Amino acid sequence: MKNSLFFLLFITISFISFSQTAEEFYNSGIEKYDSEAYKEAILDFNKAISLNPKDADSYVYVGLCKSSLEDYKGSVLSFDKAISIDADNSGAYYSRAQSKYELEDYAGSLADINKFNTLEPDDVDAYFFLGLIYESLLDYNAALKAYDKLVLLDPTYENVYFNRGLMKQDLNDFKGAILDYTKANTASPTEVDPIYNRAICKYELLDKKGALADYNKAILIDPKDGKSYANRGVVKYDLLDFVGAMADYTKSIELSPENSANYFNRGLLNVELKKMDAACVDFRKALELGDPDAQQSIDDNCK
């Protein structure tokens, strides 16, 4: 009888010692998630859920793990479950918005981020994301409003200025875009895109010398970017620097040999220089690459 009691006591103590609570599985899942062991983390979160089926946060983390594994459809289902348990779980809405965005469900993503903003109205990252969603929906005015709201909340949020500049540029507010690209350039002086786009805006405003200066800067930062040479060639052509334009068009062809516009533009320059044979070679190459204007130039100049 004594031995039986001891055996039962041992079994009970062993069970208590080795069983884990939902909270312990959850914490273990967090550690594995932070270590990027996403599949193992999912196992722990699922164990936590089996012990506590109303654990919305574990469902959120299962969704985050699946999202990190690029299983966006699976992640949406996990976030759905979290929201069904806790309709005010702001993190679930934000994360579901991100997964829907990856699935190109921009309308669904928009609905979720708007719900998040009602729950967390001062979250600046959410307004940046909101702007990205509107950009994907091609609603540039709405994207601009989202970025404006972000700047009001946090004018030191550096990433917003380039994106807001893009929206202003698309809406033909070239002066406003230049201001934003300048702020973006100040924040990240080695990034070429703000300088390149600022050059485009200056050209649109007929500030060709200013555009030339920016393309020079862009090429110093990234000397292998063919489009900067191509655009600088256009500016030099307009400024009657034909030698410089020819050098830039040729360099852009070297760097981007499949870009039909490079051959077409060099062909126009060759016409200007009365080099008709060279012009026709360029026009025919542009036509081969699909340039829509090349055939007319061949008809006009290559008899």
C-alpha atoms as a PDB file:
ATOM      1  CA  MET A   1       0.000   0.000   0.000  1.00  0.00           C
ATOM      2  CA  LYS A   2       2.856   2.327   0.849  1.00  0.00           C
ATOM      3  CA  ASN A   3       4.499   1.633  -2.500  1.00  0.00           C
ATOM      4  CA  SER A   4       1.260   2.363  -4.363  1.00  0.00           C
ATOM      5  CA  LEU A   5       0.811   5.671  -2.594  1.00  0.00           C
ATOM      6  CA  PHE A   6       4.398   6.636  -3.352  1.00  0.00           C
ATOM      7  CA  PHE A   7       3.930   5.757  -7.027  1.00  0.00           C
ATOM      8  CA  LEU A   8       0.765   7.858  -7.286  1.00  0.00           C
ATOM      9  CA  LEU A   9       2.465  10.746  -5.509  1.00  0.00           C
ATOM     10  CA  PHE A  10       5.419  10.531  -7.866  1.00  0.00           C
ATOM     11  CA  ILE A  11       3.141  10.570 -10.917  1.00  0.00           C
ATOM     12  CA  THR A  12       1.292  13.638  -9.593  1.00  0.00           C
ATOM     13  CA  ILE A  13       4.468  15.542  -8.760  1.00  0.00           C
ATOM     14  CA  SER A  14       5.970  14.704 -12.156  1.00  0.00           C
ATOM     15  CA  PHE A  15       2.882  15.962 -13.976  1.00  0.00           C
ATOM     16  CA  ILE A  16       2.902  19.233 -12.048  1.00  0.00           C
ATOM     17  CA  SER A  17       6.617  19.699 -12.611  1.00  0.00           C
ATOM     18  CA  PHE A  18       6.574  19.180 -16.366  1.00  0.00           C
ATOM     19  CA  SER A  19       3.232  20.626 -17.487  1.00  0.00           C
ATOM     20  CA  GLN A  20       3.311  24.191 -18.865  1.00  0.00           C
ATOM     21  CA  THR A  21       0.734  26.917 -18.601  1.00  0.00           C
ATOM     22  CA  ALA A  22      -0.684  28.905 -21.503  1.00  0.00           C
ATOM     23  CA  GLU A  23       1.347  31.887 -20.343  1.00  0.00           C
ATOM     24  CA  GLU A  24       4.555  29.853 -20.387  1.00  0.00           C
ATOM     25  CA  PHE A  25       3.891  28.628 -23.929  1.00  0.00           C
ATOM     26  CA  TYR A  26       3.079  32.203 -24.958  1.00  0.00           C
ATOM     27  CA  ASN A  27       6.339  33.535 -23.472  1.00  0.00           C
ATOM     28  CA  SER A  28       8.294  30.718 -25.112  1.00  0.00           C
ATOM     29  CA  GLY A  29       6.656  31.613 -28.410  1.00  0.00           C
ATOM     30  CA  ILE A  30       7.679  35.245 -27.987  1.00  0.00           C
ATOM     31  CA  GLU A  31      11.304  34.233 -27.442  1.00  0.00           C
ATOM     32  CA  LYS A  32      11.273  32.067 -30.556  1.00  0.00           C
ATOM     33  CA  TYR A  33       9.548  34.793 -32.576  1.00  0.00           C
ATOM     34  CA  ASP A  34      12.213  37.300 -31.496  1.00  0.00           C
ATOM     35  CA  SER A  35      14.860  34.759 -32.570  1.00  0.00           C
ATOM     36  CA  GLU A  36      13.136  34.427 -35.967  1.00  0.00           C
ATOM     37  CA  ALA A  37      12.340  30.752 -35.311  1.00  0.00           C
ATOM     38  CA  TYR A  38       8.851  31.301 -36.689  1.00  0.00           C
ATOM     39  CA  LYS A  39       7.736  27.710 -37.264  1.00  0.00           C
ATOM     40  CA  GLU A  40       8.764  26.690 -33.759  1.00  0.00           C
ATOM     41  CA  ALA A  41       7.084  29.798 -32.346  1.00  0.00           C
ATOM     42  CA  ILE A  42       3.815  28.861 -34.053  1.00  0.00           C
ATOM     43  CA  LEU A  43       3.890  25.501 -32.280  1.00  0.00           C
ATOM     44  CA  ASP A  44       4.194  27.226 -28.897  1.00  0.00           C
ATOM     45  CA  PHE A  45       1.467  29.782 -29.629  1.00  0.00           C
ATOM     46  CA  ASN A  46      -0.857  27.004 -30.794  1.00  0.00           C
ATOM     47  CA  LYS A  47      -0.228  25.175 -27.519  1.00  0.00           C
ATOM     48  CA  ALA A  48      -1.053  28.366 -25.629  1.00  0.00           C
ATOM     49  CA  ILE A  49      -4.278  28.657 -27.651  1.00  0.00           C
ATOM     50  CA  SER A  50      -5.225  25.043 -26.938  1.00  0.00           C
ATOM     51  CA  LEU A  51      -5.003  25.828 -23.228  1.00  0.00           C
ATOM     52  CA  ASN A  52      -6.652  29.252 -23.569  1.00  0.00           C
ATOM     53  CA  PRO A  53      -8.816  29.470 -26.722  1.00  0.00           C
ATOM     54  CA  LYS A  54      -9.683  33.113 -25.977  1.00  0.00           C
ATOM     55  CA  ASP A  55      -6.048  34.225 -26.157  1.00  0.00           C
ATOM     56  CA  ALA A  56      -6.272  36.857 -28.904  1.00  0.00           C
ATOM     57  CA  ASP A  57      -2.619  37.860 -28.575  1.00  0.00           C
ATOM     58  CA  SER A  58      -1.427  34.342 -29.367  1.00  0.00           C
ATOM     59  CA  TYR A  59      -3.499  34.404 -32.545  1.00  0.00           C
ATOM     60  CA  VAL A  60      -1.901  37.747 -33.416  1.00  0.00           C
ATOM     61  CA  TYR A  61       1.553  36.248 -33.007  1.00  0.00           C
ATOM     62  CA  VAL A  62       0.641  33.198 -35.072  1.00  0.00           C
ATOM     63  CA  GLY A  63      -0.388  35.686 -37.757  1.00  0.00           C
ATOM     64  CA  LEU A  64       2.875  37.598 -37.423  1.00  0.00           C
ATOM     65  CA  CYS A  65       4.872  34.380 -37.721  1.00  0.00           C
ATOM     66  CA  LYS A  66       2.949  33.344 -40.835  1.00  0.00           C
ATOM     67  CA  SER A  67       3.438  36.799 -42.303  1.00  0.00           C
ATOM     68  CA  SER A  68       7.176  36.545 -41.669  1.00  0.00           C
ATOM     69  CA  LEU A  69       7.073  33.199 -43.499  1.00  0.00           C
ATOM     70  CA  GLU A  70       5.233  34.964 -46.362  1.00  0.00           C
ATOM     71  CA  ASP A  71       2.063  32.947 -45.736  1.00  0.00           C
ATOM     72  CA  TYR A  72      -0.087  36.056 -45.997  1.00  0.00           C
ATOM     73  CA  LYS A  73      -3.380  34.244 -46.529  1.00  0.00           C
ATOM     74  CA  GLY A  74      -2.746  32.144 -43.444  1.00  0.00           C
ATOM     75  CA  SER A  75      -1.783  35.217 -41.454  1.00  0.00           C
ATOM     76  CA  VAL A  76      -5.048  36.962 -42.388  1.00  0.00           C
ATOM     77  CA  LEU A  77      -7.006  33.997 -41.021  1.00  0.00           C
ATOM     78  CA  SER A  78      -5.103  34.208 -37.727  1.00  0.00           C
ATOM     79  CA  PHE A  79      -5.723  37.952 -37.447  1.00  0.00           C
ATOM     80  CA  ASP A  80      -9.402  37.327 -38.261  1.00  0.00           C
ATOM     81  CA  LYS A  81      -9.570  34.964 -35.296  1.00  0.00           C
ATOM     82  CA  ALA A  82      -7.854  37.457 -32.990  1.00  0.00           C
ATOM     83  CA  ILE A  83     -10.325  40.176 -33.984  1.00  0.00           C
ATOM     84  CA  SER A  84     -13.285  37.832 -33.485  1.00  0.00           C
ATOM     85  CA  ILE A  85     -12.115  37.406 -29.881  1.00  0.00           C
ATOM     86  CA  ASP A  86     -11.088  41.039 -29.275  1.00  0.00           C
ATOM     87  CA  ALA A  87     -12.727  43.523 -31.631  1.00  0.00           C
ATOM     88  CA  ASP A  88     -10.536  46.357 -30.312  1.00  0.00           C
ATOM     89  CA  ASN A  89      -7.190  44.620 -30.782  1.00  0.00           C
ATOM     90  CA  SER A  90      -5.408  47.402 -32.646  1.00  0.00           C
ATOM     91  CA  GLY A  91      -2.331  45.307 -33.389  1.00  0.00           C
ATOM     92  CA  ALA A  92      -4.456  42.704 -35.159  1.00  0.00           C
ATOM     93  CA  TYR A  93      -5.985  45.344 -37.457  1.00  0.00           C
ATOM     94  CA  TYR A  94      -2.582  46.873 -38.282  1.00  0.00           C
ATOM     95  CA  SER A  95      -1.000  43.511 -38.989  1.00  0.00           C
ATOM     96  CA  ARG A  96      -3.959  42.303 -41.029  1.00  0.00           C
ATOM     97  CA  ALA A  97      -3.739  45.512 -43.054  1.00  0.00           C
ATOM     98  CA  GLN A  98      -0.098  44.707 -43.825  1.00  0.00           C
ATOM     99  CA  SER A  99      -0.886  41.146 -44.909  1.00  0.00           C
ATOM    100  CA  LYS A 100      -3.760  42.309 -47.114  1.00  0.00           C
ATOM    101  CA  TYR A 101      -1.429  44.887 -48.633  1.00  0.00           C
ATOM    102  CA  GLU A 102       1.034  42.124 -49.526  1.00  0.00           C
ATOM    103  CA  LEU A 103      -1.880  40.237 -51.124  1.00  0.00           C
ATOM    104  CA  GLU A 104      -2.706  43.408 -53.109  1.00  0.00           C
ATOM    105  CA  ASP A 105      -6.067  43.639 -51.364  1.00  0.00           C
ATOM    106  CA  TYR A 106      -5.657  47.381 -51.035  1.00  0.00           C
ATOM    107  CA  ALA A 107      -9.326  48.092 -50.248  1.00  0.00           C
ATOM    108  CA  GLY A 108      -9.238  45.567 -47.398  1.00  0.00           C
ATOM    109  CA  SER A 109      -5.932  46.947 -46.180  1.00  0.00           C
ATOM    110  CA  LEU A 110      -7.380  50.456 -46.222  1.00  0.00           C
ATOM    111  CA  ALA A 111     -10.390  49.401 -44.143  1.00  0.00           C
ATOM    112  CA  ASP A 112      -8.150  47.793 -41.539  1.00  0.00           C
ATOM    113  CA  ILE A 113      -5.710  50.684 -41.237  1.00  0.00           C
ATOM    114  CA  ASN A 114      -8.605  53.126 -40.908  1.00  0.00           C
ATOM    115  CA  LYS A 115      -9.979  50.984 -38.066  1.00  0.00           C
ATOM    116  CA  PHE A 116      -6.535  50.999 -36.480  1.00  0.00           C
ATOM    117  CA  ASN A 117      -6.422  54.790 -36.731  1.00  0.00           C
ATOM    118  CA  THR A 118      -9.707  55.076 -34.843  1.00  0.00           C
ATOM    119  CA  LEU A 119      -8.149  52.996 -32.054  1.00  0.00           C
ATOM    120  CA  GLU A 120      -4.674  54.594 -32.175  1.00  0.00           C
ATOM    121  CA  PRO A 121      -5.201  58.069 -33.697  1.00  0.00           C
ATOM    122  CA  ASP A 122      -1.675  59.375 -33.105  1.00  0.00           C
ATOM    123  CA  ASP A 123       0.393  56.524 -34.529  1.00  0.00           C
ATOM    124  CA  VAL A 124       2.651  58.126 -37.149  1.00  0.00           C
ATOM    125  CA  ASP A 125       3.699  54.845 -38.777  1.00  0.00           C
ATOM    126  CA  ALA A 126       0.051  54.115 -39.520  1.00  0.00           C
ATOM    127  CA  TYR A 127      -0.308  57.373 -41.464  1.00  0.00           C
ATOM    128  CA  PHE A 128       2.789  56.536 -43.486  1.00  0.00           C
ATOM    129  CA  PHE A 129       1.302  53.139 -44.265  1.00  0.00           C
ATOM    130  CA  LEU A 130      -2.027  54.784 -45.065  1.00  0.00           C
ATOM    131  CA  GLY A 131      -0.235  56.941 -47.613  1.00  0.00           C
ATOM    132  CA  LEU A 132       1.338  53.867 -49.206  1.00  0.00           C
ATOM    133  CA  ILE A 133      -2.061  52.211 -49.506  1.00  0.00           C
ATOM    134  CA  TYR A 134      -3.562  55.256 -51.197  1.00  0.00           C
ATOM    135  CA  GLU A 135      -0.571  55.365 -53.551  1.00  0.00           C
ATOM    136  CA  SER A 136      -1.293  51.754 -54.521  1.00  0.00           C
ATOM    137  CA  LEU A 137      -4.921  52.742 -55.114  1.00  0.00           C
ATOM    138  CA  LEU A 138      -3.633  55.622 -57.310  1.00  0.00           C
ATOM    139  CA  ASP A 139      -5.441  58.123 -55.075  1.00  0.00           C
ATOM    140  CA  TYR A 140      -2.609  60.612 -54.849  1.00  0.00           C
ATOM    141  CA  ASN A 141      -4.665  63.362 -53.225  1.00  0.00           C
ATOM    142  CA  ALA A 142      -5.646  61.051 -50.378  1.00  0.00           C
ATOM    143  CA  ALA A 143      -2.051  59.839 -50.055  1.00  0.00           C
ATOM    144  CA  LEU A 144      -0.892  63.443 -49.831  1.00  0.00           C
ATOM    145  CA  LYS A 145      -3.395  64.132 -47.040  1.00  0.00           C
ATOM    146  CA  ALA A 146      -2.129  61.120 -45.115  1.00  0.00           C
ATOM    147  CA  TYR A 147       1.472  62.303 -45.414  1.00  0.00           C
ATOM    148  CA  ASP A 148       0.441  65.841 -44.440  1.00  0.00           C
ATOM    149  CA  LYS A 149      -1.215  64.443 -41.305  1.00  0.00           C
ATOM    150  CA  LEU A 150       1.955  62.534 -40.470  1.00  0.00           C
ATOM    151  CA  VAL A 151       4.095  65.663 -40.826  1.00  0.00           C
ATOM    152  CA  LEU A 152       1.731  67.524 -38.490  1.00  0.00           C
ATOM    153  CA  LEU A 153       2.131  64.767 -35.902  1.00  0.00           C
ATOM    154  CA  ASP A 154       5.889  64.409 -36.322  1.00  0.00           C
ATOM    155  CA  PRO A 155       7.823  66.783 -38.620  1.00  0.00           C
ATOM    156  CA  THR A 156      11.032  64.860 -37.834  1.00  0.00           C
ATOM    157  CA  TYR A 157       9.718  61.694 -39.540  1.00  0.00           C
ATOM    158  CA  GLU A 158      12.326  61.714 -42.301  1.00  0.00           C
ATOM    159  CA  ASN A 159      10.968  58.995 -44.608  1.00  0.00           C
ATOM    160  CA  VAL A 160       7.752  60.872 -45.300  1.00  0.00           C
ATOM    161  CA  TYR A 161       9.280  63.720 -47.285  1.00  0.00           C
ATOM    162  CA  PHE A 162      10.389  61.668 -50.275  1.00  0.00           C
ATOM    163  CA  ASN A 163       6.986  59.973 -50.532  1.00  0.00           C
ATOM    164  CA  ARG A 164       5.149  63.252 -50.137  1.00  0.00           C
ATOM    165  CA  GLY A 165       7.405  64.719 -52.809  1.00  0.00           C
ATOM    166  CA  LEU A 166       6.372  61.930 -55.167  1.00  0.00           C
ATOM    167  CA  MET A 167       2.707  62.710 -54.600  1.00  0.00           C
ATOM    168  CA  LYS A 168       3.226  66.411 -55.206  1.00  0.00           C
ATOM    169  CA  GLN A 169       5.200  65.636 -58.338  1.00  0.00           C
ATOM    170  CA  ASP A 170       2.415  63.358 -59.635  1.00  0.00           C
ATOM    171  CA  LEU A 171      -0.067  66.152 -58.902  1.00  0.00           C
ATOM    172  CA  ASN A 172       2.150  68.657 -60.807  1.00  0.00           C
ATOM    173  CA  ASP A 173       3.040  70.639 -57.679  1.00  0.00           C
ATOM    174  CA  PHE A 174       6.671  70.768 -58.727  1.00  0.00           C
ATOM    175  CA  LYS A 175       7.674  73.575 -56.369  1.00  0.00           C
ATOM    176  CA  GLY A 176       6.220  71.733 -53.387  1.00  0.00           C
ATOM    177  CA  ALA A 177       7.872  68.516 -54.525  1.00  0.00           C
ATOM    178  CA  ILE A 178      11.266  70.247 -54.747  1.00  0.00           C
ATOM    179  CA  LEU A 179      10.910  71.424 -51.135  1.00  0.00           C
ATOM    180  CA  ASP A 180      10.149  67.879 -49.962  1.00  0.00           C
ATOM    181  CA  TYR A 181      12.926  66.302 -52.024  1.00  0.00           C
ATOM    182  CA  THR A 182      15.347  68.840 -50.549  1.00  0.00           C
ATOM    183  CA  LYS A 183      14.299  67.799 -47.031  1.00  0.00           C
ATOM    184  CA  ALA A 184      14.678  64.149 -47.990  1.00  0.00           C
ATOM    185  CA  ASN A 185      18.129  64.889 -49.411  1.00  0.00           C
ATOM    186  CA  THR A 186      19.149  66.717 -46.234  1.00  0.00           C
ATOM    187  CA  ALA A 187      18.080  63.704 -44.168  1.00  0.00           C
ATOM    188  CA  SER A 188      19.784  61.163 -46.469  1.00  0.00           C
ATOM    189  CA  PRO A 189      22.458  62.941 -48.536  1.00  0.00           C
ATOM    190  CA  THR A 190      23.785  59.743 -50.109  1.00  0.00           C
ATOM    191  CA  GLU A 191      20.388  58.642 -51.460  1.00  0.00           C
ATOM    192  CA  VAL A 192      20.147  59.319 -55.182  1.00  0.00           C
ATOM    193  CA  ASP A 193      16.347  59.244 -55.655  1.00  0.00           C
ATOM    194  CA  PRO A 194      15.496  62.579 -53.999  1.00  0.00           C
ATOM    195  CA  ILE A 195      18.136  64.365 -56.102  1.00  0.00           C
ATOM    196  CA  TYR A 196      17.110  62.598 -59.306  1.00  0.00           C
ATOM    197  CA  ASN A 197      13.430  63.424 -58.796  1.00  0.00           C
ATOM    198  CA  ARG A 198      14.243  66.980 -57.813  1.00  0.00           C
ATOM    199  CA  ALA A 199      16.085  67.349 -61.127  1.00  0.00           C
ATOM    200  CA  ILE A 200      12.968  66.194 -62.989  1.00  0.00           C
ATOM    201  CA  CYS A 201      10.858  68.790 -61.167  1.00  0.00           C
ATOM    202  CA  LYS A 202      13.355  71.555 -61.896  1.00  0.00           C
ATOM    203  CA  TYR A 203      13.294  70.611 -65.572  1.00  0.00           C
ATOM    204  CA  GLU A 204       9.489  70.769 -65.554  1.00  0.00           C
ATOM    205  CA  LEU A 205       9.803  74.309 -64.146  1.00  0.00           C
ATOM    206  CA  LEU A 206      12.277  75.129 -66.959  1.00  0.00           C
ATOM    207  CA  ASP A 207      15.133  75.482 -64.482  1.00  0.00           C
ATOM    208  CA  LYS A 208      17.466  73.552 -66.763  1.00  0.00           C
ATOM    209  CA  LYS A 209      20.676  74.661 -65.127  1.00  0.00           C
ATOM    210  CA  GLY A 210      19.285  73.599 -61.750  1.00  0.00           C
ATOM    211  CA  ALA A 211      18.264  70.257 -63.247  1.00  0.00           C
ATOM    212  CA  LEU A 212      21.738  69.819 -64.712  1.00  0.00           C
ATOM    213  CA  ALA A 213      23.324  70.480 -61.317  1.00  0.00           C
ATOM    214  CA  ASP A 214      21.118  67.840 -59.694  1.00  0.00           C
ATOM    215  CA  TYR A 215      21.824  65.228 -62.372  1.00  0.00           C
ATOM    216  CA  ASN A 216      25.541  65.901 -61.847  1.00  0.00           C
ATOM    217  CA  LYS A 217      25.053  65.189 -58.129  1.00  0.00           C
ATOM    218  CA  ALA A 218      23.002  62.075 -58.824  1.00  0.00           C
ATOM    219  CA  ILE A 219      25.707  60.685 -61.113  1.00  0.00           C
ATOM    220  CA  LEU A 220      28.401  61.358 -58.511  1.00  0.00           C
ATOM    221  CA  ILE A 221      26.406  59.280 -56.025  1.00  0.00           C
ATOM    222  CA  ASP A 222      25.503  56.502 -58.482  1.00  0.00           C
ATOM    223  CA  PRO A 223      27.672  56.554 -61.620  1.00  0.00           C
ATOM    224  CA  LYS A 224      26.048  53.361 -62.924  1.00  0.00           C
ATOM    225  CA  ASP A 225      22.502  54.696 -63.144  1.00  0.00           C
ATOM    226  CA  GLY A 226      21.737  54.915 -66.855  1.00  0.00           C
ATOM    227  CA  LYS A 227      18.606  57.037 -66.493  1.00  0.00           C
ATOM    228  CA  SER A 228      20.542  59.906 -64.893  1.00  0.00           C
ATOM    229  CA  TYR A 229      22.861  60.047 -67.918  1.00  0.00           C
ATOM    230  CA  ALA A 230      19.877  59.835 -70.290  1.00  0.00           C
ATOM    231  CA  ASN A 231      18.068  62.714 -68.593  1.00  0.00           C
ATOM    232  CA  ARG A 232      21.219  64.781 -68.290  1.00  0.00           C
ATOM    233  CA  GLY A 233      21.718  64.248 -72.003  1.00  0.00           C
ATOM    234  CA  VAL A 234      18.279  65.745 -72.652  1.00  0.00           C
ATOM    235  CA  VAL A 235      19.147  68.777 -70.526  1.00  0.00           C
ATOM    236  CA  LYS A 236      22.487  69.253 -72.287  1.00  0.00           C
ATOM    237  CA  TYR A 237      20.747  68.958 -75.650  1.00  0.00           C
ATOM    238  CA  ASP A 238      18.342  71.722 -74.629  1.00  0.00           C
ATOM    239  CA  LEU A 239      21.285  73.832 -73.494  1.00  0.00           C
ATOM    240  CA  LEU A 240      22.935  73.247 -76.899  1.00  0.00           C
ATOM    241  CA  ASP A 241      25.804  71.260 -75.381  1.00  0.00           C
ATOM    242  CA  PHE A 242      25.674  68.647 -78.141  1.00  0.00           C
ATOM    243  CA  VAL A 243      29.062  67.125 -77.368  1.00  0.00           C
ATOM    244  CA  GLY A 244      28.060  66.611 -73.740  1.00  0.00           C
ATOM    245  CA  ALA A 245      24.641  65.287 -74.748  1.00  0.00           C
ATOM    246  CA  MET A 246      26.211  62.767 -77.141  1.00  0.00           C
ATOM    247  CA  ALA A 247      28.531  61.503 -74.414  1.00  0.00           C
ATOM    248  CA  ASP A 248      25.631  61.104 -71.988  1.00  0.00           C
ATOM    249  CA  TYR A 249      23.346  59.323 -74.459  1.00  0.00           C
ATOM    250  CA  THR A 250      26.151  56.933 -75.353  1.00  0.00           C
ATOM    251  CA  LYS A 251      26.864  56.266 -71.681  1.00  0.00           C
ATOM    252  CA  SER A 252      23.176  55.651 -70.975  1.00  0.00           C
ATOM    253  CA  ILE A 253      23.096  53.119 -73.841  1.00  0.00           C
ATOM    254  CA  GLU A 254      26.150  51.392 -72.388  1.00  0.00           C
ATOM    255  CA  LEU A 255      24.431  51.122 -68.998  1.00  0.00           C
ATOM    256  CA  SER A 256      20.870  50.468 -70.237  1.00  0.00           C
ATOM    257  CA  PRO A 257      21.144  48.872 -73.689  1.00  0.00           C
ATOM    258  CA  GLU A 258      17.500  47.728 -73.756  1.00  0.00           C
ATOM    259  CA  ASN A 259      16.049  51.224 -73.285  1.00  0.00           C
ATOM    260  CA  SER A 260      14.693  52.312 -76.660  1.00  0.00           C
ATOM    261  CA  ALA A 261      14.468  55.988 -75.665  1.00  0.00           C
ATOM    262  CA  ASN A 262      18.255  56.193 -75.338  1.00  0.00           C
ATOM    263  CA  TYR A 263      18.732  55.225 -78.991  1.00  0.00           C
ATOM    264  CA  PHE A 264      15.883  57.443 -80.140  1.00  0.00           C
ATOM    265  CA  ASN A 265      17.284  60.503 -78.359  1.00  0.00           C
ATOM    266  CA  ARG A 266      20.751  59.886 -79.701  1.00  0.00           C
ATOM    267  CA  GLY A 267      19.218  59.523 -83.133  1.00  0.00           C
ATOM    268  CA  LEU A 268      17.597  62.956 -82.799  1.00  0.00           C
ATOM    269  CA  LEU A 269      20.931  64.415 -81.788  1.00  0.00           C
ATOM    270  CA  ASN A 270      22.632  62.796 -84.776  1.00  0.00           C
ATOM    271  CA  VAL A 271      20.007  64.397 -87.021  1.00  0.00           C
ATOM    272  CA  GLU A 272      20.827  67.753 -85.439  1.00  0.00           C
ATOM    273  CA  LEU A 273      24.509  67.109 -86.160  1.00  0.00           C
ATOM    274  CA  LYS A 274      23.700  66.048 -89.764  1.00  0.00           C
ATOM    275  CA  LYS A 275      25.002  62.531 -89.094  1.00  0.00           C
ATOM    276  CA  MET A 276      22.156  60.853 -90.924  1.00  0.00           C
ATOM    277  CA  ASP A 277      23.641  57.373 -91.251  1.00  0.00           C
ATOM    278  CA  ALA A 278      24.311  57.212 -87.522  1.00  0.00           C
ATOM    279  CA  ALA A 279      20.841  58.641 -86.823  1.00  0.00           C
ATOM    280  CA  CYS A 280      19.168  55.936 -88.902  1.00  0.00           C
ATOM    281  CA  VAL A 281      21.107  53.192 -87.127  1.00  0.00           C
ATOM    282  CA  ASP A 282      19.851  54.567 -83.810  1.00  0.00           C
ATOM    283  CA  PHE A 283      16.251  54.966 -85.000  1.00  0.00           C
ATOM    284  CA  ARG A 284      16.176  51.398 -86.319  1.00  0.00           C
ATOM    285  CA  LYS A 285      17.531  50.085 -83.017  1.00  0.00           C
ATOM    286  CA  ALA A 286      14.908  52.127 -81.163  1.00  0.00           C
ATOM    287  CA  LEU A 287      12.216  50.621 -83.416  1.00  0.00           C
ATOM    288  CA  GLU A 288      13.553  47.118 -82.775  1.00  0.00           C
ATOM    289  CA  LEU A 289      13.217  47.791 -79.033  1.00  0.00           C
ATOM    290  CA  GLY A 290       9.646  49.028 -79.422  1.00  0.00           C
ATOM    291  CA  ASP A 291       9.930  52.814 -79.428  1.00  0.00           C
ATOM    292  CA  PRO A 292       6.556  54.214 -80.574  1.00  0.00           C
ATOM    293  CA  ASP A 293       8.050  57.227 -82.411  1.00  0.00           C
ATOM    294  CA  ALA A 294      10.927  55.522 -84.164  1.00  0.00           C
ATOM    295  CA  GLN A 295       9.080  54.537 -87.351  1.00  0.00           C
ATOM    296  CA  GLN A 296       8.039  58.128 -88.066  1.00  0.00           C
ATOM    297  CA  SER A 297      11.636  59.306 -87.604  1.00  0.00           C
ATOM    298  CA  ILE A 298      12.830  56.575 -89.985  1.00  0.00           C
ATOM    299  CA  ASP A 299      10.259  57.660 -92.559  1.00  0.00           C
ATOM    300  CA  ASP A 300      11.291  61.305 -92.203  1.00  0.00           C
ATOM    301  CA  ASN A 301      15.059  60.879 -92.206  1.00  0.00           C
ATOM    302  CA  CYS A 302      16.073  57.502 -93.618  1.00  0.00           C
ATOM    303  CA  LYS A 303      15.036  57.519 -97.286  1.00  0.00           C
END
